C-alpha cells in the first residue's frame, strides 16, 4: 500500500511543491477546479491504460514461460524496461518502435526534471524576490541547482549506482518520507 500511495503522490504531483509553484503562474481568474478535474481524469485514464498494457504483456510472458505472473517480473523501475521492450519485439518494425519508446522515456525523465527544478527555483526566488529578480541571478540559481542535481546523478551511474538509487528511492523519495512532507506542506500552506 505504501508503494501505491507513493505512486499516486508522484503521479498527481500532490504535496511536492510542484503544483503550488506552477499554479503561481496562472491568471487570478483561472478556473482551477475545472483544470484539476480534467487533469485528474486524464492522469487516471493514462495510468489505467499503461497498467493494462504492462500487465497484459506480463501475463503473456508468464503464459509463454508456463510460470506464475509474480515470477516474471518484480515491481520497480525496471518493470517498464522488461514489459514494454518485450511487447515492442512482437510488433511489426520493432526497431522503429523501440527508438520511439526510448526517446519517450528520455523525454518523460527530462520533463519531470524540468518541473521539479522549476518548482525549487520558483520557491527559492519567491522567498527572496529582491535578490533573485535582479539581472541573471535566477538563471544562475537554476544553473547551480542543475549542476548539483547532475553531480548527485553521477552517483547513480557508478557500479554501485543501483544501490544508491534504491537508498534514495526507499529513504528519501517515497513511503513515510513522502507522507511526512505531505503533512508538513499541508500544515504550512
N, C-alpha and C. Protein backbone atom coordinates (compact mmCIF):
# COMPACT_ATOMS: atom_id res chain seq x y z
N UNK A 1 0.82 -1.19 0.00
CA UNK A 1 0.00 0.00 0.00
C UNK A 1 0.86 1.26 0.00
N UNK A 2 2.00 1.16 0.65
CA UNK A 2 2.88 2.32 0.70
C UNK A 2 3.40 2.67 -0.70
N UNK A 3 3.73 1.66 -1.49
CA UNK A 3 4.19 1.90 -2.86
C UNK A 3 3.08 2.50 -3.71
N UNK A 4 1.85 2.01 -3.52
CA UNK A 4 0.72 2.54 -4.28
C UNK A 4 0.46 4.00 -3.90
N UNK A 5 0.55 4.30 -2.61
CA UNK A 5 0.37 5.68 -2.18
C UNK A 5 1.46 6.60 -2.72
N UNK A 6 2.69 6.12 -2.72
CA UNK A 6 3.79 6.91 -3.28
C UNK A 6 3.59 7.16 -4.76
N UNK A 7 3.13 6.15 -5.48
CA UNK A 7 2.89 6.30 -6.92
C UNK A 7 1.79 7.33 -7.17
N UNK A 8 0.75 7.32 -6.36
CA UNK A 8 -0.33 8.30 -6.53
C UNK A 8 0.19 9.71 -6.24
N UNK A 9 0.99 9.85 -5.19
CA UNK A 9 1.55 11.17 -4.87
C UNK A 9 2.39 11.69 -6.03
N UNK A 10 3.24 10.84 -6.60
CA UNK A 10 4.08 11.28 -7.71
C UNK A 10 3.28 11.48 -8.99
N UNK A 11 2.32 10.62 -9.22
CA UNK A 11 1.54 10.71 -10.45
C UNK A 11 0.74 12.01 -10.50
N UNK A 12 0.14 12.38 -9.38
CA UNK A 12 -0.66 13.60 -9.35
C UNK A 12 0.16 14.82 -8.94
N UNK A 13 1.36 14.63 -8.45
CA UNK A 13 2.20 15.75 -8.05
C UNK A 13 1.75 16.40 -6.76
N UNK A 14 1.04 15.64 -5.92
CA UNK A 14 0.47 16.18 -4.70
C UNK A 14 1.56 16.38 -3.65
N UNK A 15 1.53 17.53 -3.00
CA UNK A 15 2.40 17.85 -1.86
C UNK A 15 3.88 17.73 -2.17
N UNK A 16 4.27 17.98 -3.39
CA UNK A 16 5.70 18.01 -3.71
C UNK A 16 6.16 19.44 -3.99
N UNK A 17 5.23 20.38 -3.95
CA UNK A 17 5.56 21.77 -4.22
C UNK A 17 5.44 22.15 -5.67
N UNK A 18 5.31 21.17 -6.54
CA UNK A 18 5.25 21.43 -7.98
C UNK A 18 3.95 22.15 -8.34
N UNK A 19 2.83 21.67 -7.84
CA UNK A 19 1.54 22.28 -8.19
C UNK A 19 1.44 23.70 -7.66
N UNK A 20 1.98 23.94 -6.48
CA UNK A 20 1.96 25.28 -5.91
C UNK A 20 2.83 26.23 -6.74
N UNK A 21 4.00 25.77 -7.11
CA UNK A 21 4.92 26.61 -7.89
C UNK A 21 4.36 26.90 -9.28
N UNK A 22 3.89 25.87 -9.97
CA UNK A 22 3.37 26.08 -11.31
C UNK A 22 2.03 26.83 -11.28
N UNK A 23 1.23 26.60 -10.24
CA UNK A 23 -0.04 27.31 -10.11
C UNK A 23 0.15 28.80 -9.86
N UNK A 24 1.30 29.20 -9.35
CA UNK A 24 1.54 30.62 -9.12
C UNK A 24 1.65 31.41 -10.41
N UNK A 25 1.83 30.73 -11.54
CA UNK A 25 1.91 31.41 -12.83
C UNK A 25 0.55 31.56 -13.50
N UNK A 26 -0.51 30.98 -12.93
CA UNK A 26 -1.85 31.10 -13.51
C UNK A 26 -2.39 32.51 -13.35
N UNK A 27 -3.34 32.86 -14.21
CA UNK A 27 -4.06 34.11 -14.03
C UNK A 27 -4.96 33.98 -12.81
N UNK A 28 -5.31 35.10 -12.21
CA UNK A 28 -6.12 35.08 -10.99
C UNK A 28 -7.51 34.51 -11.26
N UNK A 29 -8.06 34.77 -12.43
CA UNK A 29 -9.41 34.33 -12.77
C UNK A 29 -9.46 32.91 -13.33
N UNK A 30 -8.35 32.20 -13.35
CA UNK A 30 -8.31 30.86 -13.93
C UNK A 30 -9.23 29.90 -13.16
N UNK A 31 -9.94 29.05 -13.89
CA UNK A 31 -10.84 28.07 -13.28
C UNK A 31 -10.02 26.84 -12.87
N UNK A 32 -9.50 26.88 -11.66
CA UNK A 32 -8.62 25.81 -11.18
C UNK A 32 -9.37 24.50 -10.97
N UNK A 33 -10.64 24.58 -10.55
CA UNK A 33 -11.41 23.35 -10.32
C UNK A 33 -11.59 22.56 -11.61
N UNK A 34 -11.91 23.26 -12.67
CA UNK A 34 -12.07 22.60 -13.97
C UNK A 34 -10.75 21.96 -14.41
N UNK A 35 -9.67 22.71 -14.28
CA UNK A 35 -8.36 22.17 -14.65
C UNK A 35 -8.01 20.94 -13.83
N UNK A 36 -8.30 20.98 -12.53
CA UNK A 36 -8.00 19.83 -11.66
C UNK A 36 -8.79 18.60 -12.07
N UNK A 37 -10.08 18.78 -12.35
CA UNK A 37 -10.91 17.64 -12.74
C UNK A 37 -10.41 17.04 -14.05
N UNK A 38 -10.12 17.89 -15.03
CA UNK A 38 -9.64 17.38 -16.32
C UNK A 38 -8.30 16.66 -16.18
N UNK A 39 -7.38 17.27 -15.44
CA UNK A 39 -6.06 16.65 -15.29
C UNK A 39 -6.13 15.34 -14.50
N UNK A 40 -6.97 15.30 -13.48
CA UNK A 40 -7.11 14.05 -12.71
C UNK A 40 -7.72 12.95 -13.57
N UNK A 41 -8.73 13.29 -14.36
CA UNK A 41 -9.32 12.29 -15.26
C UNK A 41 -8.30 11.81 -16.29
N UNK A 42 -7.58 12.73 -16.89
CA UNK A 42 -6.57 12.35 -17.88
C UNK A 42 -5.48 11.48 -17.26
N UNK A 43 -5.02 11.85 -16.07
CA UNK A 43 -3.98 11.08 -15.39
C UNK A 43 -4.48 9.68 -15.03
N UNK A 44 -5.71 9.59 -14.54
CA UNK A 44 -6.26 8.29 -14.16
C UNK A 44 -6.43 7.37 -15.36
N UNK A 45 -6.94 7.91 -16.46
CA UNK A 45 -7.11 7.10 -17.67
C UNK A 45 -5.76 6.66 -18.21
N UNK A 46 -4.79 7.56 -18.22
CA UNK A 46 -3.45 7.21 -18.71
C UNK A 46 -2.82 6.13 -17.84
N UNK A 47 -2.93 6.26 -16.52
CA UNK A 47 -2.37 5.25 -15.62
C UNK A 47 -3.05 3.90 -15.81
N UNK A 48 -4.37 3.92 -15.99
CA UNK A 48 -5.10 2.67 -16.20
C UNK A 48 -4.66 1.99 -17.50
N UNK A 49 -4.56 2.75 -18.57
CA UNK A 49 -4.15 2.17 -19.86
C UNK A 49 -2.72 1.65 -19.78
N UNK A 50 -1.82 2.40 -19.14
CA UNK A 50 -0.43 1.94 -19.01
C UNK A 50 -0.35 0.68 -18.17
N UNK A 51 -1.08 0.62 -17.07
CA UNK A 51 -1.10 -0.58 -16.24
C UNK A 51 -1.69 -1.77 -16.98
N UNK A 52 -2.75 -1.52 -17.73
CA UNK A 52 -3.37 -2.59 -18.53
C UNK A 52 -2.38 -3.13 -19.55
N UNK A 53 -1.64 -2.23 -20.18
CA UNK A 53 -0.66 -2.66 -21.19
C UNK A 53 0.47 -3.47 -20.55
N UNK A 54 1.00 -3.00 -19.43
CA UNK A 54 2.11 -3.70 -18.78
C UNK A 54 1.68 -5.08 -18.30
N UNK A 55 0.54 -5.16 -17.64
CA UNK A 55 0.13 -6.45 -17.09
C UNK A 55 -0.37 -7.40 -18.16
N UNK A 56 -0.83 -6.88 -19.29
CA UNK A 56 -1.15 -7.77 -20.41
C UNK A 56 0.12 -8.44 -20.93
N UNK A 57 1.17 -7.66 -21.08
CA UNK A 57 2.44 -8.22 -21.55
C UNK A 57 3.03 -9.18 -20.52
N UNK A 58 2.96 -8.82 -19.23
CA UNK A 58 3.47 -9.71 -18.19
C UNK A 58 2.69 -11.02 -18.16
N UNK A 59 1.37 -10.94 -18.34
CA UNK A 59 0.56 -12.15 -18.41
C UNK A 59 0.92 -13.01 -19.60
N UNK A 60 1.16 -12.37 -20.74
CA UNK A 60 1.58 -13.11 -21.93
C UNK A 60 2.92 -13.79 -21.69
N UNK A 61 3.88 -13.07 -21.08
CA UNK A 61 5.20 -13.64 -20.82
C UNK A 61 5.09 -14.81 -19.83
N UNK A 62 4.23 -14.67 -18.81
CA UNK A 62 4.07 -15.75 -17.83
C UNK A 62 3.44 -16.98 -18.48
N UNK A 63 2.45 -16.76 -19.34
CA UNK A 63 1.80 -17.88 -20.03
C UNK A 63 2.78 -18.56 -20.99
N UNK A 64 3.58 -17.76 -21.68
CA UNK A 64 4.53 -18.30 -22.63
C UNK A 64 5.60 -19.16 -21.94
N UNK A 65 6.02 -18.74 -20.73
CA UNK A 65 7.04 -19.47 -20.00
C UNK A 65 6.45 -20.55 -19.09
N UNK A 66 5.11 -20.53 -18.92
CA UNK A 66 4.45 -21.53 -18.09
C UNK A 66 4.68 -21.34 -16.60
N UNK A 67 4.85 -20.09 -16.16
CA UNK A 67 5.07 -19.81 -14.74
C UNK A 67 4.05 -18.79 -14.26
N UNK A 68 4.02 -18.56 -12.95
CA UNK A 68 3.11 -17.59 -12.37
C UNK A 68 3.54 -16.17 -12.73
N UNK A 69 2.58 -15.26 -12.84
CA UNK A 69 2.90 -13.88 -13.25
C UNK A 69 3.80 -13.19 -12.23
N UNK A 70 3.72 -13.57 -10.96
CA UNK A 70 4.58 -12.94 -9.95
C UNK A 70 6.05 -13.31 -10.14
N UNK A 71 6.31 -14.39 -10.87
CA UNK A 71 7.69 -14.82 -11.10
C UNK A 71 8.32 -14.15 -12.32
N UNK A 72 7.50 -13.53 -13.17
CA UNK A 72 8.02 -12.95 -14.42
C UNK A 72 8.84 -11.71 -14.13
N UNK A 73 8.28 -10.80 -13.38
CA UNK A 73 8.98 -9.55 -13.10
C UNK A 73 8.52 -9.01 -11.77
N UNK A 74 9.44 -8.42 -11.06
CA UNK A 74 9.09 -7.78 -9.81
C UNK A 74 8.87 -6.30 -10.07
N UNK A 75 8.20 -5.64 -9.13
CA UNK A 75 7.94 -4.22 -9.31
C UNK A 75 9.24 -3.44 -9.17
N UNK A 76 9.19 -2.21 -9.61
CA UNK A 76 10.37 -1.36 -9.51
C UNK A 76 10.60 -0.59 -10.80
N UNK A 77 11.69 0.16 -10.84
CA UNK A 77 11.93 1.00 -12.01
C UNK A 77 12.23 0.19 -13.27
N UNK A 78 12.66 -1.04 -13.13
CA UNK A 78 12.99 -1.84 -14.31
C UNK A 78 11.80 -2.52 -14.95
N UNK A 79 10.62 -2.43 -14.34
CA UNK A 79 9.45 -3.12 -14.87
C UNK A 79 9.11 -2.66 -16.28
N UNK A 80 9.14 -1.35 -16.51
CA UNK A 80 8.83 -0.84 -17.85
C UNK A 80 9.88 -1.27 -18.86
N UNK A 81 11.10 -1.52 -18.40
CA UNK A 81 12.16 -1.94 -19.32
C UNK A 81 12.14 -3.44 -19.56
N UNK A 82 11.25 -4.15 -18.89
CA UNK A 82 11.06 -5.58 -19.15
C UNK A 82 9.83 -5.79 -20.01
N UNK A 83 8.72 -5.19 -19.59
CA UNK A 83 7.43 -5.46 -20.24
C UNK A 83 7.33 -4.78 -21.61
N UNK A 84 7.59 -3.49 -21.68
CA UNK A 84 7.41 -2.79 -22.95
C UNK A 84 8.36 -3.25 -24.06
N UNK A 85 9.66 -3.43 -23.79
CA UNK A 85 10.51 -3.95 -24.87
C UNK A 85 10.07 -5.33 -25.37
N UNK A 86 9.53 -6.15 -24.47
CA UNK A 86 9.03 -7.47 -24.90
C UNK A 86 7.82 -7.29 -25.82
N UNK A 87 6.95 -6.36 -25.49
CA UNK A 87 5.78 -6.10 -26.35
C UNK A 87 6.22 -5.50 -27.68
N UNK A 88 7.19 -4.61 -27.63
CA UNK A 88 7.67 -3.97 -28.86
C UNK A 88 8.32 -4.99 -29.78
N UNK A 89 8.99 -5.98 -29.22
CA UNK A 89 9.65 -7.01 -30.04
C UNK A 89 8.65 -7.82 -30.85
N UNK A 90 7.41 -7.87 -30.41
CA UNK A 90 6.38 -8.63 -31.13
C UNK A 90 5.66 -7.81 -32.19
N UNK A 91 5.92 -6.52 -32.26
CA UNK A 91 5.24 -5.64 -33.21
C UNK A 91 5.97 -5.63 -34.54
N UNK A 92 5.27 -5.23 -35.61
CA UNK A 92 5.99 -5.04 -36.88
C UNK A 92 6.92 -3.83 -36.75
N UNK A 93 8.06 -3.87 -37.40
CA UNK A 93 9.11 -2.84 -37.31
C UNK A 93 9.50 -2.58 -35.84
N UNK A 94 9.96 -3.60 -35.13
CA UNK A 94 10.26 -3.41 -33.70
C UNK A 94 11.38 -2.40 -33.44
N UNK A 95 12.34 -2.27 -34.36
CA UNK A 95 13.43 -1.32 -34.14
C UNK A 95 12.91 0.12 -34.09
N UNK A 96 11.98 0.44 -34.99
CA UNK A 96 11.41 1.78 -35.03
C UNK A 96 10.63 2.07 -33.75
N UNK A 97 9.81 1.11 -33.32
CA UNK A 97 9.03 1.30 -32.10
C UNK A 97 9.93 1.37 -30.87
N UNK A 98 11.03 0.64 -30.87
CA UNK A 98 11.97 0.70 -29.75
C UNK A 98 12.61 2.08 -29.66
N UNK A 99 12.96 2.65 -30.81
CA UNK A 99 13.51 4.01 -30.82
C UNK A 99 12.50 4.99 -30.26
N UNK A 100 11.24 4.89 -30.71
CA UNK A 100 10.19 5.78 -30.20
C UNK A 100 10.00 5.61 -28.69
N UNK A 101 10.02 4.37 -28.22
CA UNK A 101 9.82 4.09 -26.80
C UNK A 101 10.92 4.71 -25.95
N UNK A 102 12.17 4.50 -26.34
CA UNK A 102 13.26 5.01 -25.51
C UNK A 102 13.40 6.53 -25.61
N UNK A 103 13.05 7.11 -26.74
CA UNK A 103 13.01 8.58 -26.83
C UNK A 103 11.92 9.12 -25.91
N UNK A 104 10.77 8.43 -25.87
CA UNK A 104 9.69 8.84 -24.98
C UNK A 104 10.13 8.77 -23.52
N UNK A 105 10.85 7.71 -23.15
CA UNK A 105 11.33 7.57 -21.77
C UNK A 105 12.29 8.72 -21.42
N UNK A 106 13.17 9.07 -22.35
CA UNK A 106 14.10 10.18 -22.11
C UNK A 106 13.33 11.48 -21.92
N UNK A 107 12.33 11.75 -22.78
CA UNK A 107 11.56 12.98 -22.66
C UNK A 107 10.74 13.02 -21.37
N UNK A 108 10.20 11.88 -20.95
CA UNK A 108 9.46 11.84 -19.68
C UNK A 108 10.38 12.17 -18.51
N UNK A 109 11.58 11.62 -18.52
CA UNK A 109 12.53 11.92 -17.46
C UNK A 109 12.94 13.38 -17.45
N UNK A 110 13.22 13.93 -18.63
CA UNK A 110 13.60 15.34 -18.71
C UNK A 110 12.46 16.25 -18.28
N UNK A 111 11.23 15.91 -18.67
CA UNK A 111 10.07 16.70 -18.30
C UNK A 111 9.91 16.73 -16.78
N UNK A 112 10.07 15.60 -16.14
CA UNK A 112 9.98 15.56 -14.68
C UNK A 112 11.07 16.40 -14.04
N UNK A 113 12.28 16.31 -14.58
CA UNK A 113 13.37 17.13 -14.05
C UNK A 113 13.08 18.62 -14.21
N UNK A 114 12.59 19.02 -15.37
CA UNK A 114 12.28 20.44 -15.60
C UNK A 114 11.25 20.94 -14.60
N UNK A 115 10.22 20.15 -14.36
CA UNK A 115 9.15 20.58 -13.46
C UNK A 115 9.66 20.69 -12.03
N UNK A 116 10.41 19.70 -11.56
CA UNK A 116 10.91 19.76 -10.19
C UNK A 116 11.95 20.86 -10.01
N UNK A 117 12.78 21.09 -11.01
CA UNK A 117 13.74 22.20 -10.93
C UNK A 117 13.00 23.54 -10.91
N UNK A 118 12.00 23.68 -11.76
CA UNK A 118 11.24 24.93 -11.79
C UNK A 118 10.54 25.17 -10.46
N UNK A 119 10.01 24.14 -9.85
CA UNK A 119 9.35 24.29 -8.55
C UNK A 119 10.34 24.77 -7.50
N UNK A 120 11.52 24.19 -7.48
CA UNK A 120 12.54 24.58 -6.50
C UNK A 120 13.03 26.01 -6.74
N UNK A 121 13.28 26.35 -8.00
CA UNK A 121 13.75 27.70 -8.32
C UNK A 121 12.67 28.73 -8.01
N UNK A 122 11.41 28.42 -8.32
CA UNK A 122 10.32 29.34 -8.03
C UNK A 122 10.17 29.54 -6.53
N UNK A 123 10.25 28.47 -5.76
CA UNK A 123 10.12 28.59 -4.31
C UNK A 123 11.24 29.45 -3.71
N UNK A 124 12.46 29.21 -4.14
CA UNK A 124 13.59 29.99 -3.60
C UNK A 124 13.53 31.44 -4.06
N UNK A 125 13.23 31.66 -5.33
CA UNK A 125 13.20 33.05 -5.82
C UNK A 125 11.99 33.81 -5.28
N UNK A 126 10.91 33.12 -4.91
CA UNK A 126 9.77 33.80 -4.29
C UNK A 126 10.06 34.15 -2.83
N UNK A 127 10.95 33.40 -2.19
CA UNK A 127 11.31 33.71 -0.81
C UNK A 127 12.21 34.95 -0.75
N UNK A 128 13.02 35.16 -1.77
CA UNK A 128 13.94 36.30 -1.82
C UNK A 128 13.77 37.04 -3.15
N UNK A 129 12.62 37.66 -3.38
CA UNK A 129 12.38 38.26 -4.71
C UNK A 129 13.29 39.43 -5.02
N UNK A 130 13.66 40.22 -4.02
CA UNK A 130 14.50 41.38 -4.31
C UNK A 130 15.90 40.96 -4.75
N UNK A 131 16.35 39.80 -4.32
CA UNK A 131 17.68 39.33 -4.69
C UNK A 131 17.68 38.63 -6.05
N UNK A 132 16.69 37.76 -6.29
CA UNK A 132 16.72 36.93 -7.49
C UNK A 132 16.08 37.57 -8.72
N UNK A 133 15.39 38.69 -8.55
CA UNK A 133 14.79 39.35 -9.72
C UNK A 133 15.74 40.34 -10.38
N UNK A 134 16.94 40.48 -9.83
CA UNK A 134 17.94 41.41 -10.37
C UNK A 134 18.85 40.66 -11.34
N UNK A 135 18.95 41.16 -12.55
CA UNK A 135 19.88 40.58 -13.52
C UNK A 135 19.59 39.13 -13.84
N UNK A 136 20.65 38.36 -13.87
CA UNK A 136 20.55 36.95 -14.24
C UNK A 136 20.69 36.03 -13.03
N UNK A 137 20.39 36.52 -11.85
CA UNK A 137 20.60 35.71 -10.64
C UNK A 137 19.69 34.48 -10.62
N UNK A 138 18.47 34.62 -11.13
CA UNK A 138 17.56 33.47 -11.16
C UNK A 138 18.11 32.39 -12.08
N UNK A 139 18.71 32.80 -13.19
CA UNK A 139 19.30 31.83 -14.11
C UNK A 139 20.52 31.14 -13.48
N UNK A 140 21.29 31.90 -12.70
CA UNK A 140 22.44 31.30 -12.02
C UNK A 140 21.98 30.32 -10.94
N UNK A 141 20.87 30.64 -10.27
CA UNK A 141 20.30 29.71 -9.30
C UNK A 141 19.88 28.41 -9.98
N UNK A 142 19.23 28.53 -11.13
CA UNK A 142 18.84 27.34 -11.90
C UNK A 142 20.06 26.55 -12.34
N UNK A 143 21.10 27.25 -12.77
CA UNK A 143 22.34 26.58 -13.17
C UNK A 143 22.97 25.84 -11.98
N UNK A 144 22.98 26.47 -10.81
CA UNK A 144 23.55 25.84 -9.62
C UNK A 144 22.76 24.59 -9.23
N UNK A 145 21.43 24.68 -9.25
CA UNK A 145 20.59 23.53 -8.89
C UNK A 145 20.76 22.41 -9.91
N UNK A 146 20.85 22.76 -11.18
CA UNK A 146 21.05 21.75 -12.22
C UNK A 146 22.41 21.07 -12.08
N UNK A 147 23.44 21.85 -11.77
CA UNK A 147 24.78 21.26 -11.59
C UNK A 147 24.81 20.35 -10.37
N UNK A 148 24.16 20.77 -9.29
CA UNK A 148 24.11 19.92 -8.10
C UNK A 148 23.34 18.63 -8.38
N UNK A 149 22.26 18.72 -9.13
CA UNK A 149 21.49 17.52 -9.50
C UNK A 149 22.32 16.61 -10.39
N UNK A 150 23.09 17.20 -11.29
CA UNK A 150 23.96 16.41 -12.16
C UNK A 150 24.99 15.64 -11.33
N UNK A 151 25.60 16.33 -10.36
CA UNK A 151 26.61 15.67 -9.53
C UNK A 151 26.01 14.54 -8.69
N UNK A 152 24.81 14.75 -8.17
CA UNK A 152 24.14 13.68 -7.43
C UNK A 152 23.78 12.55 -8.39
N UNK A 153 23.38 12.89 -9.61
CA UNK A 153 23.04 11.88 -10.61
C UNK A 153 24.23 11.04 -11.03
N UNK A 154 25.43 11.62 -10.96
CA UNK A 154 26.63 10.84 -11.30
C UNK A 154 26.81 9.64 -10.37
N UNK A 155 26.35 9.79 -9.13
CA UNK A 155 26.42 8.66 -8.20
C UNK A 155 25.59 7.48 -8.69
N UNK A 156 24.53 7.78 -9.43
CA UNK A 156 23.62 6.72 -9.88
C UNK A 156 24.18 5.90 -11.04
N UNK A 157 25.18 6.40 -11.73
CA UNK A 157 25.71 5.68 -12.89
C UNK A 157 27.04 4.99 -12.61
N UNK A 158 27.41 4.92 -11.35
CA UNK A 158 28.61 4.17 -10.99
C UNK A 158 28.24 2.69 -10.85
N UNK A 159 29.23 1.87 -10.53
CA UNK A 159 28.97 0.43 -10.38
C UNK A 159 27.97 0.16 -9.26
N UNK A 160 28.03 0.91 -8.21
CA UNK A 160 27.09 0.74 -7.10
C UNK A 160 25.91 1.67 -7.19
N UNK A 161 25.69 2.26 -8.37
CA UNK A 161 24.64 3.25 -8.54
C UNK A 161 23.25 2.74 -8.27
N UNK A 162 22.99 1.47 -8.58
CA UNK A 162 21.66 0.92 -8.32
C UNK A 162 21.38 0.90 -6.83
N UNK A 163 22.39 0.63 -6.02
CA UNK A 163 22.20 0.62 -4.58
C UNK A 163 21.97 2.03 -4.05
N UNK A 164 22.70 3.00 -4.59
CA UNK A 164 22.48 4.40 -4.21
C UNK A 164 21.08 4.82 -4.61
N UNK A 165 20.65 4.43 -5.81
CA UNK A 165 19.29 4.74 -6.27
C UNK A 165 18.25 4.13 -5.34
N UNK A 166 18.45 2.88 -4.94
CA UNK A 166 17.50 2.23 -4.04
C UNK A 166 17.47 2.91 -2.68
N UNK A 167 18.62 3.38 -2.20
CA UNK A 167 18.64 4.12 -0.94
C UNK A 167 17.85 5.42 -1.06
N UNK A 168 18.08 6.17 -2.14
CA UNK A 168 17.33 7.40 -2.36
C UNK A 168 15.84 7.09 -2.49
N UNK A 169 15.51 6.06 -3.25
CA UNK A 169 14.12 5.73 -3.51
C UNK A 169 13.40 5.31 -2.24
N UNK A 170 14.05 4.52 -1.41
CA UNK A 170 13.39 3.98 -0.23
C UNK A 170 13.34 4.98 0.92
N UNK A 171 14.45 5.67 1.17
CA UNK A 171 14.54 6.51 2.35
C UNK A 171 14.25 7.99 2.09
N UNK A 172 14.42 8.47 0.88
CA UNK A 172 14.30 9.91 0.65
C UNK A 172 13.12 10.30 -0.22
N UNK A 173 12.61 9.40 -1.05
CA UNK A 173 11.66 9.82 -2.07
C UNK A 173 10.31 9.12 -2.02
N UNK A 174 10.07 8.25 -1.06
CA UNK A 174 8.80 7.54 -1.06
C UNK A 174 8.43 7.14 0.35
N UNK A 175 7.29 6.52 0.47
CA UNK A 175 6.85 5.97 1.74
C UNK A 175 6.60 7.03 2.79
N UNK A 176 7.11 6.78 3.98
CA UNK A 176 6.85 7.66 5.12
C UNK A 176 7.47 9.04 4.93
N UNK A 177 8.58 9.12 4.24
CA UNK A 177 9.21 10.42 4.00
C UNK A 177 8.29 11.30 3.16
N UNK A 178 7.73 10.74 2.10
CA UNK A 178 6.82 11.50 1.25
C UNK A 178 5.56 11.88 2.02
N UNK A 179 5.04 10.97 2.84
CA UNK A 179 3.86 11.26 3.65
C UNK A 179 4.16 12.37 4.66
N UNK A 180 5.35 12.35 5.25
CA UNK A 180 5.74 13.40 6.20
C UNK A 180 5.82 14.75 5.49
N UNK A 181 6.42 14.78 4.30
CA UNK A 181 6.46 16.03 3.53
C UNK A 181 5.06 16.52 3.20
N UNK A 182 4.15 15.61 2.86
CA UNK A 182 2.78 15.98 2.54
C UNK A 182 2.09 16.60 3.74
N UNK A 183 2.27 16.00 4.91
CA UNK A 183 1.65 16.54 6.12
C UNK A 183 2.23 17.90 6.45
N UNK A 184 3.56 18.04 6.37
CA UNK A 184 4.20 19.32 6.68
C UNK A 184 3.79 20.40 5.70
N UNK A 185 3.68 20.07 4.41
CA UNK A 185 3.26 21.08 3.44
C UNK A 185 1.82 21.48 3.67
N UNK A 186 0.97 20.53 4.03
CA UNK A 186 -0.43 20.85 4.31
C UNK A 186 -0.54 21.77 5.52
N UNK A 187 0.29 21.55 6.53
CA UNK A 187 0.28 22.41 7.71
C UNK A 187 0.80 23.80 7.37
N UNK A 188 1.88 23.87 6.57
CA UNK A 188 2.49 25.16 6.24
C UNK A 188 1.60 26.00 5.34
N UNK A 189 0.95 25.37 4.39
CA UNK A 189 0.13 26.14 3.44
C UNK A 189 -1.20 26.43 4.06
